PDB file of N, CA and C in Angstrom:
ATOM      1  N   MET A   1      -9.096  33.430  12.518  1.00  0.00           N
ATOM      2  CA  MET A   1      -8.168  33.234  12.112  1.00  0.00           C
ATOM      3  C   MET A   1      -8.022  33.386  10.666  1.00  0.00           C
ATOM      4  N   PHE A   2     -10.081  33.030  10.237  1.00  0.00           N
ATOM      5  CA  PHE A   2     -10.205  33.524   9.492  1.00  0.00           C
ATOM      6  C   PHE A   2      -9.536  34.808   8.847  1.00  0.00           C
ATOM      7  N   GLY A   3      -9.099  35.403   7.312  1.00  0.00           N
ATOM      8  CA  GLY A   3      -8.693  35.959   7.262  1.00  0.00           C
ATOM      9  C   GLY A   3      -7.465  36.494   6.838  1.00  0.00           C
ATOM     10  N   MET A   4      -7.297  35.600   7.794  1.00  0.00           N
ATOM     11  CA  MET A   4      -5.019  35.539   7.244  1.00  0.00           C
ATOM     12  C   MET A   4      -4.652  35.101   6.067  1.00  0.00           C
ATOM     13  N   ASN A   5      -3.618  35.036   5.948  1.00  0.00           N
ATOM     14  CA  ASN A   5      -3.290  34.417   4.850  1.00  0.00           C
ATOM     15  C   ASN A   5      -2.509  32.785   5.001  1.00  0.00           C
ATOM     16  N   PRO A   6      -2.387  32.107   4.493  1.00  0.00           N
ATOM     17  CA  PRO A   6      -2.088  30.708   4.701  1.00  0.00           C
ATOM     18  C   PRO A   6      -0.803  30.365   5.437  1.00  0.00           C
ATOM     19  N   LYS A   7      -0.322  31.561   5.333  1.00  0.00           N
ATOM     20  CA  LYS A   7       1.462  31.177   5.680  1.00  0.00           C
ATOM     21  C   LYS A   7       1.251  31.465   7.252  1.00  0.00           C
ATOM     22  N   GLU A   8       0.451  32.891   7.489  1.00  0.00           N
ATOM     23  CA  GLU A   8       0.216  33.309   8.755  1.00  0.00           C
ATOM     24  C   GLU A   8      -0.534  32.321  10.140  1.00  0.00           C
ATOM     25  N   LEU A   9      -1.612  31.583   9.422  1.00  0.00           N
ATOM     26  CA  LEU A   9      -2.373  30.513   9.758  1.00  0.00           C
ATOM     27  C   LEU A   9      -1.700  29.127   9.927  1.00  0.00           C
ATOM     28  N   GLU A  10      -0.469  29.275   9.196  1.00  0.00           N
ATOM     29  CA  GLU A  10       0.170  28.259   9.359  1.00  0.00           C
ATOM     30  C   GLU A  10       1.455  28.248  10.816  1.00  0.00           C
ATOM     31  N   LYS A  11       2.165  29.507  10.810  1.00  0.00           N
ATOM     32  CA  LYS A  11       2.623  29.819  12.094  1.00  0.00           C
ATOM     33  C   LYS A  11       1.523  29.843  13.432  1.00  0.00           C
ATOM     34  N   ALA A  12       1.039  30.615  12.855  1.00  0.00           N
ATOM     35  CA  ALA A  12      -0.108  30.529  14.243  1.00  0.00           C
ATOM     36  C   ALA A  12      -0.653  28.713  14.616  1.00  0.00           C
ATOM     37  N   MET A  13      -0.786  28.025  13.817  1.00  0.00           N
ATOM     38  CA  MET A  13      -1.187  26.892  14.076  1.00  0.00           C
ATOM     39  C   MET A  13       0.411  26.022  14.549  1.00  0.00           C
ATOM     40  N   LYS A  14       1.097  26.434  14.280  1.00  0.00           N
ATOM     41  CA  LYS A  14       2.833  25.759  14.930  1.00  0.00           C
ATOM     42  C   LYS A  14       2.794  25.885  16.353  1.00  0.00           C
ATOM     43  N   LYS A  15       2.571  27.122  16.155  1.00  0.00           N
ATOM     44  CA  LYS A  15       3.026  28.388  17.779  1.00  0.00           C
ATOM     45  C   LYS A  15       2.389  26.951  18.503  1.00  0.00           C
ATOM     46  N   LEU A  16       1.128  27.358  18.271  1.00  0.00           N
ATOM     47  CA  LEU A  16      -0.453  26.433  19.417  1.00  0.00           C
ATOM     48  C   LEU A  16       0.126  24.913  19.571  1.00  0.00           C
ATOM     49  N   GLY A  17       1.537  24.001  18.427  1.00  0.00           N
ATOM     50  CA  GLY A  17       1.384  22.944  18.876  1.00  0.00           C
ATOM     51  C   GLY A  17       0.544  22.359  17.728  1.00  0.00           C
ATOM     52  N   ILE A  18      -0.177  22.564  16.778  1.00  0.00           N
ATOM     53  CA  ILE A  18      -1.190  21.870  15.893  1.00  0.00           C
ATOM     54  C   ILE A  18      -0.572  21.410  14.498  1.00  0.00           C
ATOM     55  N   LYS A  19      -0.508  20.845  14.329  1.00  0.00           N
ATOM     56  CA  LYS A  19       0.264  20.068  12.696  1.00  0.00           C
ATOM     57  C   LYS A  19      -0.864  19.305  11.730  1.00  0.00           C
ATOM     58  N   GLN A  20      -0.920  20.484  10.419  1.00  0.00           N
ATOM     59  CA  GLN A  20      -2.039  19.377  10.155  1.00  0.00           C
ATOM     60  C   GLN A  20      -1.240  18.669   8.692  1.00  0.00           C
ATOM     61  N   GLU A  21      -1.992  18.051   8.296  1.00  0.00           N
ATOM     62  CA  GLU A  21      -1.112  17.021   7.160  1.00  0.00           C
ATOM     63  C   GLU A  21      -2.531  16.534   5.950  1.00  0.00           C
ATOM     64  N   THR A  22      -2.157  17.124   4.916  1.00  0.00           N
ATOM     65  CA  THR A  22      -2.679  16.692   3.827  1.00  0.00           C
ATOM     66  C   THR A  22      -2.685  15.405   3.038  1.00  0.00           C
ATOM     67  N   ILE A  23      -4.031  14.080   2.970  1.00  0.00           N
ATOM     68  CA  ILE A  23      -3.080  12.728   2.667  1.00  0.00           C
ATOM     69  C   ILE A  23      -4.437  12.728   1.561  1.00  0.00           C
ATOM     70  N   GLU A  24      -3.523  12.344   0.518  1.00  0.00           N
ATOM     71  CA  GLU A  24      -4.034  11.826  -0.477  1.00  0.00           C
ATOM     72  C   GLU A  24      -5.188  10.294  -1.063  1.00  0.00           C
ATOM     73  N   ALA A  25      -6.003  10.441  -1.357  1.00  0.00           N
ATOM     74  CA  ALA A  25      -7.387   9.058  -1.380  1.00  0.00           C
ATOM     75  C   ALA A  25      -8.435   9.656  -2.752  1.00  0.00           C
ATOM     76  N   SER A  26      -8.937   8.354  -3.353  1.00  0.00           N
ATOM     77  CA  SER A  26      -9.552   8.702  -4.149  1.00  0.00           C
ATOM     78  C   SER A  26     -11.142   7.955  -4.164  1.00  0.00           C
ATOM     79  N   GLU A  27     -10.984   7.164  -2.499  1.00  0.00           N
ATOM     80  CA  GLU A  27     -12.497   7.312  -1.808  1.00  0.00           C
ATOM     81  C   GLU A  27     -11.657   6.877  -0.258  1.00  0.00           C
ATOM     82  N   VAL A  28     -13.151   6.930   0.431  1.00  0.00           N
ATOM     83  CA  VAL A  28     -12.916   6.896   2.126  1.00  0.00           C
ATOM     84  C   VAL A  28     -14.382   6.104   2.051  1.00  0.00           C
ATOM     85  N   ILE A  29     -14.165   4.866   2.538  1.00  0.00           N
ATOM     86  CA  ILE A  29     -15.315   4.379   2.740  1.00  0.00           C
ATOM     87  C   ILE A  29     -15.488   4.123   4.361  1.00  0.00           C
ATOM     88  N   ILE A  30     -16.628   4.522   5.098  1.00  0.00           N
ATOM     89  CA  ILE A  30     -17.145   4.016   6.374  1.00  0.00           C
ATOM     90  C   ILE A  30     -18.001   3.619   6.166  1.00  0.00           C
ATOM     91  N   LYS A  31     -17.631   1.696   7.719  1.00  0.00           N
ATOM     92  CA  LYS A  31     -19.018   1.299   7.342  1.00  0.00           C
ATOM     93  C   LYS A  31     -19.212   1.431   8.807  1.00  0.00           C
ATOM     94  N   THR A  32     -20.724   1.101   8.644  1.00  0.00           N
ATOM     95  CA  THR A  32     -21.709   1.296  10.379  1.00  0.00           C
ATOM     96  C   THR A  32     -22.181  -0.369  10.263  1.00  0.00           C
ATOM     97  N   LYS A  33     -22.968  -0.263  11.501  1.00  0.00           N
ATOM     98  CA  LYS A  33     -23.691  -1.350  11.685  1.00  0.00           C
ATOM     99  C   LYS A  33     -25.096  -1.850  10.094  1.00  0.00           C
ATOM    100  N   ASP A  34     -25.424  -1.159   9.770  1.00  0.00           N
ATOM    101  CA  ASP A  34     -26.468  -1.073   8.513  1.00  0.00           C
ATOM    102  C   ASP A  34     -25.968  -0.337   7.223  1.00  0.00           C
ATOM    103  N   LYS A  35     -25.063   0.625   7.226  1.00  0.00           N
ATOM    104  CA  LYS A  35     -24.758   1.024   6.134  1.00  0.00           C
ATOM    105  C   LYS A  35     -23.203   1.315   5.662  1.00  0.00           C
ATOM    106  N   GLU A  36     -22.816   1.744   4.765  1.00  0.00           N
ATOM    107  CA  GLU A  36     -21.998   2.408   3.994  1.00  0.00           C
ATOM    108  C   GLU A  36     -21.815   3.795   3.731  1.00  0.00           C
ATOM    109  N   LEU A  37     -21.042   4.269   4.177  1.00  0.00           N
ATOM    110  CA  LEU A  37     -20.937   5.997   3.502  1.00  0.00           C
ATOM    111  C   LEU A  37     -19.723   5.771   2.878  1.00  0.00           C
ATOM    112  N   ILE A  38     -19.926   6.269   1.349  1.00  0.00           N
ATOM    113  CA  ILE A  38     -18.898   6.330   0.568  1.00  0.00           C
ATOM    114  C   ILE A  38     -18.625   7.862  -0.038  1.00  0.00           C
ATOM    115  N   ILE A  39     -17.593   8.238   0.468  1.00  0.00           N
ATOM    116  CA  ILE A  39     -16.734   9.671  -0.082  1.00  0.00           C
ATOM    117  C   ILE A  39     -16.071   9.792  -0.984  1.00  0.00           C
ATOM    118  N   ARG A  40     -16.546  10.197  -1.933  1.00  0.00           N
ATOM    119  CA  ARG A  40     -15.702  10.393  -3.246  1.00  0.00           C
ATOM    120  C   ARG A  40     -14.749  11.250  -3.386  1.00  0.00           C
ATOM    121  N   ASN A  41     -13.891  11.571  -4.001  1.00  0.00           N
ATOM    122  CA  ASN A  41     -12.833  12.116  -4.665  1.00  0.00           C
ATOM    123  C   ASN A  41     -12.688  13.676  -3.133  1.00  0.00           C
ATOM    124  N   PRO A  42     -12.444  12.522  -1.848  1.00  0.00           N
ATOM    125  CA  PRO A  42     -12.012  13.154  -0.815  1.00  0.00           C
ATOM    126  C   PRO A  42     -10.939  14.215  -0.727  1.00  0.00           C
ATOM    127  N   GLN A  43     -11.467  15.256   0.376  1.00  0.00           N
ATOM    128  CA  GLN A  43     -10.326  16.274   0.792  1.00  0.00           C
ATOM    129  C   GLN A  43     -10.285  15.699   2.005  1.00  0.00           C
ATOM    130  N   ILE A  44      -8.689  15.209   2.666  1.00  0.00           N
ATOM    131  CA  ILE A  44      -8.526  14.700   3.464  1.00  0.00           C
ATOM    132  C   ILE A  44      -7.193  15.586   4.163  1.00  0.00           C
ATOM    133  N   SER A  45      -7.611  16.098   6.162  1.00  0.00           N
ATOM    134  CA  SER A  45      -6.504  16.570   6.589  1.00  0.00           C
ATOM    135  C   SER A  45      -6.454  15.845   7.747  1.00  0.00           C
ATOM    136  N   LYS A  46      -5.401  15.634   7.986  1.00  0.00           N
ATOM    137  CA  LYS A  46      -5.242  14.812   9.603  1.00  0.00           C
ATOM    138  C   LYS A  46      -4.383  15.721  10.215  1.00  0.00           C
ATOM    139  N   VAL A  47      -4.794  15.583  11.096  1.00  0.00           N
ATOM    140  CA  VAL A  47      -4.943  17.023  12.108  1.00  0.00           C
ATOM    141  C   VAL A  47      -4.036  16.462  13.865  1.00  0.00           C
ATOM    142  N   ASN A  48      -2.935  16.852  14.055  1.00  0.00           N
ATOM    143  CA  ASN A  48      -2.674  16.452  15.423  1.00  0.00           C
ATOM    144  C   ASN A  48      -2.463  17.710  15.987  1.00  0.00           C
ATOM    145  N   ALA A  49      -3.352  18.044  17.442  1.00  0.00           N
ATOM    146  CA  ALA A  49      -3.109  19.025  18.164  1.00  0.00           C
ATOM    147  C   ALA A  49      -2.982  18.448  19.517  1.00  0.00           C
ATOM    148  N   MET A  50      -1.600  18.554  20.367  1.00  0.00           N
ATOM    149  CA  MET A  50      -1.205  18.042  21.498  1.00  0.00           C
ATOM    150  C   MET A  50      -1.051  16.888  21.710  1.00  0.00           C
ATOM    151  N   GLY A  51      -0.971  15.714  20.836  1.00  0.00           N
ATOM    152  CA  GLY A  51      -1.091  14.633  20.755  1.00  0.00           C
ATOM    153  C   GLY A  51      -2.036  14.137  20.307  1.00  0.00           C
ATOM    154  N   GLN A  52      -3.204  14.805  20.066  1.00  0.00           N
ATOM    155  CA  GLN A  52      -4.565  14.076  19.309  1.00  0.00           C
ATOM    156  C   GLN A  52      -5.023  14.365  18.407  1.00  0.00           C
ATOM    157  N   GLU A  53      -4.660  12.983  17.544  1.00  0.00           N
ATOM    158  CA  GLU A  53      -5.607  13.240  15.957  1.00  0.00           C
ATOM    159  C   GLU A  53      -6.520  13.013  15.795  1.00  0.00           C
ATOM    160  N   SER A  54      -6.692  13.863  14.543  1.00  0.00           N
ATOM    161  CA  SER A  54      -8.285  13.856  14.153  1.00  0.00           C
ATOM    162  C   SER A  54      -8.248  13.469  12.688  1.00  0.00           C
ATOM    163  N   LEU A  55      -8.848  13.278  11.489  1.00  0.00           N
ATOM    164  CA  LEU A  55      -9.192  13.654  10.562  1.00  0.00           C
ATOM    165  C   LEU A  55     -10.592  14.340   9.644  1.00  0.00           C
ATOM    166  N   GLN A  56     -10.337  14.971   9.088  1.00  0.00           N
ATOM    167  CA  GLN A  56     -11.394  16.009   8.409  1.00  0.00           C
ATOM    168  C   GLN A  56     -11.544  15.241   7.014  1.00  0.00           C
ATOM    169  N   ILE A  57     -12.610  15.020   6.731  1.00  0.00           N
ATOM    170  CA  ILE A  57     -13.047  14.342   5.202  1.00  0.00           C
ATOM    171  C   ILE A  57     -14.394  15.117   4.975  1.00  0.00           C
ATOM    172  N   SER A  58     -13.970  15.736   3.841  1.00  0.00           N
ATOM    173  CA  SER A  58     -15.108  16.193   2.690  1.00  0.00           C
ATOM    174  C   SER A  58     -15.231  16.138   1.516  1.00  0.00           C
ATOM    175  N   GLY A  59     -16.143  15.984   1.005  1.00  0.00           N
ATOM    176  CA  GLY A  59     -16.220  15.378  -0.361  1.00  0.00           C
ATOM    177  C   GLY A  59     -17.759  15.216  -0.499  1.00  0.00           C
ATOM    178  N   LYS A  60     -18.099  14.381  -1.933  1.00  0.00           N
ATOM    179  CA  LYS A  60     -19.288  13.938  -2.430  1.00  0.00           C
ATOM    180  C   LYS A  60     -20.007  12.790  -1.506  1.00  0.00           C
ATOM    181  N   ILE A  61     -20.769  12.408  -0.523  1.00  0.00           N
ATOM    182  CA  ILE A  61     -21.330  11.422   0.073  1.00  0.00           C
ATOM    183  C   ILE A  61     -21.767  10.451  -0.544  1.00  0.00           C
ATOM    184  N   GLU A  62     -21.848   9.521  -0.735  1.00  0.00           N
ATOM    185  CA  GLU A  62     -23.443   8.337  -0.921  1.00  0.00           C
ATOM    186  C   GLU A  62     -23.710   7.484   0.159  1.00  0.00           C
ATOM    187  N   GLU A  63     -24.370   6.679   0.245  1.00  0.00           N
ATOM    188  CA  GLU A  63     -25.198   5.963   1.611  1.00  0.00           C
ATOM    189  C   GLU A  63     -25.537   4.820   0.403  1.00  0.00           C
ATOM    190  N   LYS A  64     -24.939   3.500   0.913  1.00  0.00           N
ATOM    191  CA  LYS A  64     -25.380   2.716   0.873  1.00  0.00           C
ATOM    192  C   LYS A  64     -25.724   1.856   1.634  1.00  0.00           C
ATOM    193  N   ALA A  65     -26.890   0.574   1.643  1.00  0.00           N
ATOM    194  CA  ALA A  65     -27.532  -0.277   2.531  1.00  0.00           C
ATOM    195  C   ALA A  65     -26.314  -1.408   2.061  1.00  0.00           C
ATOM    196  N   THR A  66     -26.233  -1.590   3.596  1.00  0.00           N
ATOM    197  CA  THR A  66     -25.481  -3.455   4.078  1.00  0.00           C
ATOM    198  C   THR A  66     -26.270  -4.122   3.909  1.00  0.00           C
ATOM    199  N   ILE A  67     -25.941  -4.968   2.844  1.00  0.00           N
ATOM    200  CA  ILE A  67     -26.870  -6.441   3.290  1.00  0.00           C
ATOM    201  C   ILE A  67     -26.042  -7.535   3.901  1.00  0.00           C
ATOM    202  N   SER A  68     -26.839  -8.078   4.757  1.00  0.00           N
ATOM    203  CA  SER A  68     -26.153  -9.137   5.668  1.00  0.00           C
ATOM    204  C   SER A  68     -26.736 -10.561   4.979  1.00  0.00           C
ATOM    205  N   GLU A  69     -26.170 -11.561   4.956  1.00  0.00           N
ATOM    206  CA  GLU A  69     -26.534 -12.656   4.887  1.00  0.00           C
ATOM    207  C   GLU A  69     -28.099 -13.722   5.329  1.00  0.00           C
ATOM    208  N   GLU A  70     -28.124 -12.491   6.207  1.00  0.00           N
ATOM    209  CA  GLU A  70     -29.372 -13.387   7.794  1.00  0.00           C
ATOM    210  C   GLU A  70     -30.509 -12.155   6.878  1.00  0.00           C
ATOM    211  N   ASP A  71     -30.135 -11.297   6.155  1.00  0.00           N
ATOM    212  CA  ASP A  71     -31.631 -10.421   5.501  1.00  0.00           C
ATOM    213  C   ASP A  71     -31.520 -11.153   4.051  1.00  0.00           C
ATOM    214  N   ILE A  72     -30.666 -11.534   3.698  1.00  0.00           N
ATOM    215  CA  ILE A  72     -30.915 -12.464   2.129  1.00  0.00           C
ATOM    216  C   ILE A  72     -31.500 -13.694   2.064  1.00  0.00           C
ATOM    217  N   LYS A  73     -31.282 -14.288   3.585  1.00  0.00           N
ATOM    218  CA  LYS A  73     -32.022 -15.989   4.076  1.00  0.00           C
ATOM    219  C   LYS A  73     -33.159 -15.359   4.147  1.00  0.00           C
ATOM    220  N   THR A  74     -33.546 -14.325   5.238  1.00  0.00           N
ATOM    221  CA  THR A  74     -35.130 -14.062   5.571  1.00  0.00           C
ATOM    222  C   THR A  74     -35.766 -13.628   4.330  1.00  0.00           C
ATOM    223  N   ILE A  75     -35.445 -12.504   3.358  1.00  0.00           N
ATOM    224  CA  ILE A  75     -35.606 -12.451   2.141  1.00  0.00           C
ATOM    225  C   ILE A  75     -36.293 -13.996   1.240  1.00  0.00           C
ATOM    226  N   MET A  76     -35.255 -14.728   1.330  1.00  0.00           N
ATOM    227  CA  MET A  76     -35.962 -16.231   0.215  1.00  0.00           C
ATOM    228  C   MET A  76     -36.967 -16.603   1.265  1.00  0.00           C
ATOM    229  N   GLU A  77     -37.046 -17.203   2.333  1.00  0.00           N
ATOM    230  CA  GLU A  77     -37.981 -17.703   3.219  1.00  0.00           C
ATOM    231  C   GLU A  77     -39.629 -16.765   2.959  1.00  0.00           C
ATOM    232  N   GLN A  78     -39.477 -15.588   2.936  1.00  0.00           N
ATOM    233  CA  GLN A  78     -40.774 -14.576   3.049  1.00  0.00           C
ATOM    234  C   GLN A  78     -41.210 -14.533   1.899  1.00  0.00           C
ATOM    235  N   ALA A  79     -39.959 -14.463   0.606  1.00  0.00           N
ATOM    236  CA  ALA A  79     -40.702 -14.090  -1.040  1.00  0.00           C
ATOM    237  C   ALA A  79     -40.671 -15.586  -1.464  1.00  0.00           C
ATOM    238  N   LYS A  80     -40.334 -16.774  -0.865  1.00  0.00           N
ATOM    239  CA  LYS A  80     -40.047 -17.617  -1.487  1.00  0.00           C
ATOM    240  C   LYS A  80     -39.297 -17.219  -2.884  1.00  0.00           C
ATOM    241  N   VAL A  81     -38.101 -17.085  -2.789  1.00  0.00           N
ATOM    242  CA  VAL A  81     -37.493 -16.572  -4.018  1.00  0.00           C
ATOM    243  C   VAL A  81     -35.809 -17.254  -3.549  1.00  0.00           C
ATOM    244  N   ASP A  82     -34.826 -17.149  -5.049  1.00  0.00           N
ATOM    245  CA  ASP A  82     -33.849 -17.685  -4.619  1.00  0.00           C
ATOM    246  C   ASP A  82     -32.718 -16.877  -4.292  1.00  0.00           C
ATOM    247  N   TYR A  83     -31.669 -17.126  -3.342  1.00  0.00           N
ATOM    248  CA  TYR A  83     -30.532 -16.441  -3.425  1.00  0.00           C
ATOM    249  C   TYR A  83     -30.331 -14.934  -4.548  1.00  0.00           C
ATOM    250  N   ASN A  84     -29.803 -15.270  -6.011  1.00  0.00           N
ATOM    251  CA  ASN A  84     -29.358 -14.167  -6.708  1.00  0.00           C
ATOM    252  C   ASN A  84     -30.739 -13.169  -6.484  1.00  0.00           C
ATOM    253  N   ARG A  85     -32.087 -13.224  -6.414  1.00  0.00           N
ATOM    254  CA  ARG A  85     -32.843 -12.666  -6.677  1.00  0.00           C
ATOM    255  C   ARG A  85     -33.686 -12.241  -5.396  1.00  0.00           C
ATOM    256  N   ALA A  86     -33.144 -12.582  -4.349  1.00  0.00           N
ATOM    257  CA  ALA A  86     -33.237 -12.109  -3.386  1.00  0.00           C
ATOM    258  C   ALA A  86     -32.289 -10.765  -2.911  1.00  0.00           C
ATOM    259  N   LYS A  87     -30.957 -11.033  -3.384  1.00  0.00           N
ATOM    260  CA  LYS A  87     -29.866 -10.347  -2.563  1.00  0.00           C
ATOM    261  C   LYS A  87     -30.042  -8.974  -4.112  1.00  0.00           C
ATOM    262  N   GLN A  88     -30.438  -9.199  -5.109  1.00  0.00           N
ATOM    263  CA  GLN A  88     -30.366  -8.279  -6.057  1.00  0.00           C
ATOM    264  C   GLN A  88     -31.615  -7.359  -5.839  1.00  0.00           C
ATOM    265  N   SER A  89     -32.688  -7.675  -5.596  1.00  0.00           N
ATOM    266  CA  SER A  89     -33.706  -7.435  -5.095  1.00  0.00           C
ATOM    267  C   SER A  89     -33.637  -6.192  -3.645  1.00  0.00           C
ATOM    268  N   LEU A  90     -33.444  -7.046  -2.789  1.00  0.00           N
ATOM    269  CA  LEU A  90     -32.890  -5.961  -1.376  1.00  0.00           C
ATOM    270  C   LEU A  90     -31.988  -5.056  -1.497  1.00  0.00           C
ATOM    271  N   MET A  91     -30.226  -5.204  -2.763  1.00  0.00           N
ATOM    272  CA  MET A  91     -30.252  -4.260  -3.313  1.00  0.00           C
ATOM    273  C   MET A  91     -30.753  -2.968  -3.382  1.00  0.00           C
ATOM    274  N   LEU A  92     -31.895  -2.940  -4.409  1.00  0.00           N
ATOM    275  CA  LEU A  92     -32.475  -2.647  -5.758  1.00  0.00           C
ATOM    276  C   LEU A  92     -33.558  -1.601  -3.785  1.00  0.00           C
ATOM    277  N   ASN A  93     -33.778  -2.101  -3.205  1.00  0.00           N
ATOM    278  CA  ASN A  93     -34.563  -1.414  -2.032  1.00  0.00           C
ATOM    279  C   ASN A  93     -33.885  -0.900  -1.072  1.00  0.00           C
ATOM    280  N   ASN A  94     -32.350  -0.593  -1.074  1.00  0.00           N
ATOM    281  CA  ASN A  94     -31.225  -0.074  -0.337  1.00  0.00           C
ATOM    282  C   ASN A  94     -31.520  -0.794   1.244  1.00  0.00           C
ATOM    283  N   GLY A  95     -31.633  -2.122   1.208  1.00  0.00           N
ATOM    284  CA  GLY A  95     -31.523  -2.668   2.494  1.00  0.00           C
ATOM    285  C   GLY A  95     -32.878  -2.917   2.938  1.00  0.00           C
ATOM    286  N   ASP A  96     -34.780  -2.229   2.488  1.00  0.00           N
ATOM    287  CA  ASP A  96     -35.491  -2.446   3.134  1.00  0.00           C
ATOM    288  C   ASP A  96     -35.806  -3.198   3.129  1.00  0.00           C
ATOM    289  N   LEU A  97     -36.029  -4.452   4.191  1.00  0.00           N
ATOM    290  CA  LEU A  97     -36.551  -5.886   4.262  1.00  0.00           C
ATOM    291  C   LEU A  97     -38.037  -6.001   3.470  1.00  0.00           C
ATOM    292  N   ALA A  98     -39.393  -4.847   4.466  1.00  0.00           N
ATOM    293  CA  ALA A  98     -40.455  -5.203   4.205  1.00  0.00           C
ATOM    294  C   ALA A  98     -40.484  -4.352   2.739  1.00  0.00           C
ATOM    295  N   LYS A  99     -40.060  -3.829   2.096  1.00  0.00           N
ATOM    296  CA  LYS A  99     -40.334  -3.129   0.757  1.00  0.00           C
ATOM    297  C   LYS A  99     -39.552  -4.467   0.087  1.00  0.00           C
ATOM    298  N   THR A 100     -38.966  -4.798   0.206  1.00  0.00           N
ATOM    299  CA  THR A 100     -38.415  -5.671  -0.863  1.00  0.00           C
ATOM    300  C   THR A 100     -39.109  -7.120  -0.975  1.00  0.00           C
ATOM    301  N   ILE A 101     -39.556  -7.651   0.344  1.00  0.00           N
ATOM    302  CA  ILE A 101     -40.220  -8.499   0.291  1.00  0.00           C
ATOM    303  C   ILE A 101     -41.905  -8.617   0.001  1.00  0.00           C
ATOM    304  N   LEU A 102     -42.845  -7.485  -0.067  1.00  0.00           N
ATOM    305  CA  LEU A 102     -43.816  -6.762  -0.703  1.00  0.00           C
ATOM    306  C   LEU A 102     -43.557  -6.878  -2.171  1.00  0.00           C
ATOM    307  N   ASP A 103     -42.605  -5.958  -2.224  1.00  0.00           N
ATOM    308  CA  ASP A 103     -42.254  -6.480  -3.561  1.00  0.00           C
ATOM    309  C   ASP A 103     -41.940  -7.404  -4.953  1.00  0.00           C
ATOM    310  N   LEU A 104     -41.621  -8.462  -4.299  1.00  0.00           N
ATOM    311  CA  LEU A 104     -40.860  -9.512  -4.821  1.00  0.00           C
ATOM    312  C   LEU A 104     -42.238 -10.973  -4.086  1.00  0.00           C
ATOM    313  N   GLN A 105     -43.253 -10.473  -3.203  1.00  0.00           N
ATOM    314  CA  GLN A 105     -44.559 -11.253  -3.568  1.00  0.00           C
ATOM    315  C   GLN A 105     -45.683 -10.641  -4.400  1.00  0.00           C
ATOM    316  N   GLU A 106     -45.439  -9.171  -5.002  1.00  0.00           N
ATOM    317  CA  GLU A 106     -46.372  -8.704  -5.491  1.00  0.00           C
ATOM    318  C   GLU A 106     -46.098  -8.906  -6.910  1.00  0.00           C
ATOM    319  N   ASN A 107     -44.651  -9.826  -7.680  1.00  0.00           N
ATOM    320  CA  ASN A 107     -44.582 -10.422  -8.704  1.00  0.00           C
ATOM    321  C   ASN A 107     -44.621 -11.576  -8.935  1.00  0.00           C
TER     322      ASN A 107
END
């Protein structure tokens, strides 16, 4: 199908029962258990092939660690610091508990 002009490709997809729709968005955030994936200025295509819907997303991807309240409490206890300092240090260390505790204990 590569090398086809866009109109021919659209006709071929229609014959196969595939519908494609562009979705406008400024960012997409995917949250997992331990991190967030942030896609800035995404290009999003919603594809429906024989009743099965899927999304294709491309763009600049940033990863950001998810900071839980439990992690902050652990840092507070282990490094003997207040909530704000624990949270800020944990964010600076991208959610790495061990590195955060060591950094805070050194200072």
